[in-house]
Amino acid sequence: MVECSTSDPVSNRRSARSKTDMVGEVRGSHNVGGTVAKHAQARGLIVRPPGNLAVLSPPQNLTEDQIDGIAAILDESIEATMDDVSA
C-alpha cells in the first residue's frame, strides 16, 4: 500500500503514481482497466473499465475513512494487476 507521509495531496498522488509505472509499460498489450476492475470488484469496489482505464463514480459525501478504503483497494488491485501482467 502507498504510505502518504504528508498532507499535501499533490505529493501523495506523486507517491502513488511512482508505484504504478509498470501500468504505463503494458498499456495496449493487456486489458489493464478490466483486470484492475476485476480485482477491485473481488475486494468490494465497483470500477468501470472503459478500455485501459479504471473509472470510479463515488458519491460526493464520502468520509476520509471511506476514501482511504477506496485508495487501499485500488492500490491492492493495481498491484495484483501488475502481478498478472508480469507473469
C-alpha atoms as a PDB file:
ATOM      1  CA  MET A   1       0.000   0.000   0.000  1.00  0.00           C
ATOM      2  CA  VAL A   2       1.171   3.544  -0.717  1.00  0.00           C
ATOM      3  CA  GLU A   3       2.023   5.340   2.501  1.00  0.00           C
ATOM      4  CA  CYS A   4       1.112   9.042   2.464  1.00  0.00           C
ATOM      5  CA  SER A   5       3.678  10.791   4.612  1.00  0.00           C
ATOM      6  CA  THR A   6       2.380  14.303   4.049  1.00  0.00           C
ATOM      7  CA  SER A   7      -0.968  16.044   3.999  1.00  0.00           C
ATOM      8  CA  ASP A   8      -0.118  17.582   0.613  1.00  0.00           C
ATOM      9  CA  PRO A   9      -2.460  15.887  -1.917  1.00  0.00           C
ATOM     10  CA  VAL A  10      -0.107  16.564  -4.860  1.00  0.00           C
ATOM     11  CA  SER A  11       2.796  14.828  -3.098  1.00  0.00           C
ATOM     12  CA  ASN A  12       0.518  11.927  -2.176  1.00  0.00           C
ATOM     13  CA  ARG A  13      -0.574  11.483  -5.817  1.00  0.00           C
ATOM     14  CA  ARG A  14       3.046  11.536  -6.982  1.00  0.00           C
ATOM     15  CA  SER A  15       3.908   8.887  -4.392  1.00  0.00           C
ATOM     16  CA  ALA A  16       1.029   6.697  -5.555  1.00  0.00           C
ATOM     17  CA  ARG A  17       1.961   7.170  -9.223  1.00  0.00           C
ATOM     18  CA  SER A  18       5.568   6.130  -8.623  1.00  0.00           C
ATOM     19  CA  LYS A  19       4.392   2.641  -7.651  1.00  0.00           C
ATOM     20  CA  THR A  20       2.372   2.152 -10.843  1.00  0.00           C
ATOM     21  CA  ASP A  21       4.949   2.902 -13.560  1.00  0.00           C
ATOM     22  CA  MET A  22       4.528  -0.640 -14.875  1.00  0.00           C
ATOM     23  CA  VAL A  23       0.900   0.004 -15.843  1.00  0.00           C
ATOM     24  CA  GLY A  24       2.123   2.542 -18.402  1.00  0.00           C
ATOM     25  CA  GLU A  25       4.540  -0.009 -19.836  1.00  0.00           C
ATOM     26  CA  VAL A  26       1.875  -2.622 -20.517  1.00  0.00           C
ATOM     27  CA  ARG A  27      -0.810  -0.278 -21.821  1.00  0.00           C
ATOM     28  CA  GLY A  28      -2.140  -1.527 -25.122  1.00  0.00           C
ATOM     29  CA  SER A  29      -0.965  -5.103 -24.776  1.00  0.00           C
ATOM     30  CA  HIS A  30      -3.291  -6.112 -21.909  1.00  0.00           C
ATOM     31  CA  ASN A  31      -6.754  -5.140 -20.745  1.00  0.00           C
ATOM     32  CA  VAL A  32      -5.366  -3.274 -17.740  1.00  0.00           C
ATOM     33  CA  GLY A  33      -8.604  -1.474 -16.864  1.00  0.00           C
ATOM     34  CA  GLY A  34     -10.612  -4.675 -16.974  1.00  0.00           C
ATOM     35  CA  THR A  35      -8.084  -6.528 -14.850  1.00  0.00           C
ATOM     36  CA  VAL A  36      -7.951  -3.738 -12.243  1.00  0.00           C
ATOM     37  CA  ALA A  37     -11.774  -3.690 -12.211  1.00  0.00           C
ATOM     38  CA  LYS A  38     -11.898  -7.480 -11.712  1.00  0.00           C
ATOM     39  CA  HIS A  39      -9.503  -7.331  -8.756  1.00  0.00           C
ATOM     40  CA  ALA A  40     -11.287  -4.296  -7.255  1.00  0.00           C
ATOM     41  CA  GLN A  41     -14.696  -5.964  -7.541  1.00  0.00           C
ATOM     42  CA  ALA A  42     -13.342  -9.057  -5.778  1.00  0.00           C
ATOM     43  CA  ARG A  43     -12.390  -6.688  -2.935  1.00  0.00           C
ATOM     44  CA  GLY A  44     -15.812  -4.974  -2.856  1.00  0.00           C
ATOM     45  CA  LEU A  45     -15.203  -1.880  -5.020  1.00  0.00           C
ATOM     46  CA  ILE A  46     -17.005  -1.301  -8.314  1.00  0.00           C
ATOM     47  CA  VAL A  47     -14.739   0.164 -11.011  1.00  0.00           C
ATOM     48  CA  ARG A  48     -15.802   0.830 -14.614  1.00  0.00           C
ATOM     49  CA  PRO A  49     -13.152  -0.279 -17.129  1.00  0.00           C
ATOM     50  CA  PRO A  50     -13.554   1.678 -20.399  1.00  0.00           C
ATOM     51  CA  GLY A  51     -10.555   0.389 -22.319  1.00  0.00           C
ATOM     52  CA  ASN A  52      -7.356   0.568 -20.312  1.00  0.00           C
ATOM     53  CA  LEU A  53      -8.799   2.930 -17.706  1.00  0.00           C
ATOM     54  CA  ALA A  54     -10.216   2.366 -14.250  1.00  0.00           C
ATOM     55  CA  VAL A  55     -13.034   4.850 -13.600  1.00  0.00           C
ATOM     56  CA  LEU A  56     -14.723   5.464 -10.252  1.00  0.00           C
ATOM     57  CA  SER A  57     -18.036   7.243  -9.679  1.00  0.00           C
ATOM     58  CA  PRO A  58     -18.250   7.643  -5.897  1.00  0.00           C
ATOM     59  CA  PRO A  59     -20.841   9.775  -4.130  1.00  0.00           C
ATOM     60  CA  GLN A  60     -19.710  13.234  -3.085  1.00  0.00           C
ATOM     61  CA  ASN A  61     -20.422  12.680   0.620  1.00  0.00           C
ATOM     62  CA  LEU A  62     -17.611  10.215   1.394  1.00  0.00           C
ATOM     63  CA  THR A  63     -15.780  10.286   4.696  1.00  0.00           C
ATOM     64  CA  GLU A  64     -11.984  10.338   4.843  1.00  0.00           C
ATOM     65  CA  ASP A  65     -12.043   6.724   6.093  1.00  0.00           C
ATOM     66  CA  GLN A  66     -14.099   5.669   3.068  1.00  0.00           C
ATOM     67  CA  ILE A  67     -11.695   7.482   0.721  1.00  0.00           C
ATOM     68  CA  ASP A  68      -8.754   5.759   2.432  1.00  0.00           C
ATOM     69  CA  GLY A  69     -10.525   2.404   2.000  1.00  0.00           C
ATOM     70  CA  ILE A  70     -11.090   3.054  -1.715  1.00  0.00           C
ATOM     71  CA  ALA A  71      -7.448   4.065  -2.149  1.00  0.00           C
ATOM     72  CA  ALA A  72      -6.291   0.905  -0.351  1.00  0.00           C
ATOM     73  CA  ILE A  73      -8.464  -1.329  -2.545  1.00  0.00           C
ATOM     74  CA  LEU A  74      -7.235   0.417  -5.706  1.00  0.00           C
ATOM     75  CA  ASP A  75      -3.622   0.040  -4.565  1.00  0.00           C
ATOM     76  CA  GLU A  76      -4.100  -3.694  -3.912  1.00  0.00           C
ATOM     77  CA  SER A  77      -5.940  -4.114  -7.222  1.00  0.00           C
ATOM     78  CA  ILE A  78      -3.232  -2.328  -9.220  1.00  0.00           C
ATOM     79  CA  GLU A  79      -0.533  -4.422  -7.532  1.00  0.00           C
ATOM     80  CA  ALA A  80      -2.479  -7.618  -8.317  1.00  0.00           C
ATOM     81  CA  THR A  81      -2.844  -6.453 -11.931  1.00  0.00           C
ATOM     82  CA  MET A  82       0.898  -5.778 -12.154  1.00  0.00           C
ATOM     83  CA  ASP A  83       1.500  -9.322 -10.881  1.00  0.00           C
ATOM     84  CA  ASP A  84      -0.893 -10.687 -13.525  1.00  0.00           C
ATOM     85  CA  VAL A  85       0.703  -8.881 -16.464  1.00  0.00           C
ATOM     86  CA  SER A  86       4.265  -9.647 -15.370  1.00  0.00           C
ATOM     87  CA  ALA A  87       3.597 -13.391 -15.174  1.00  0.00           C
END
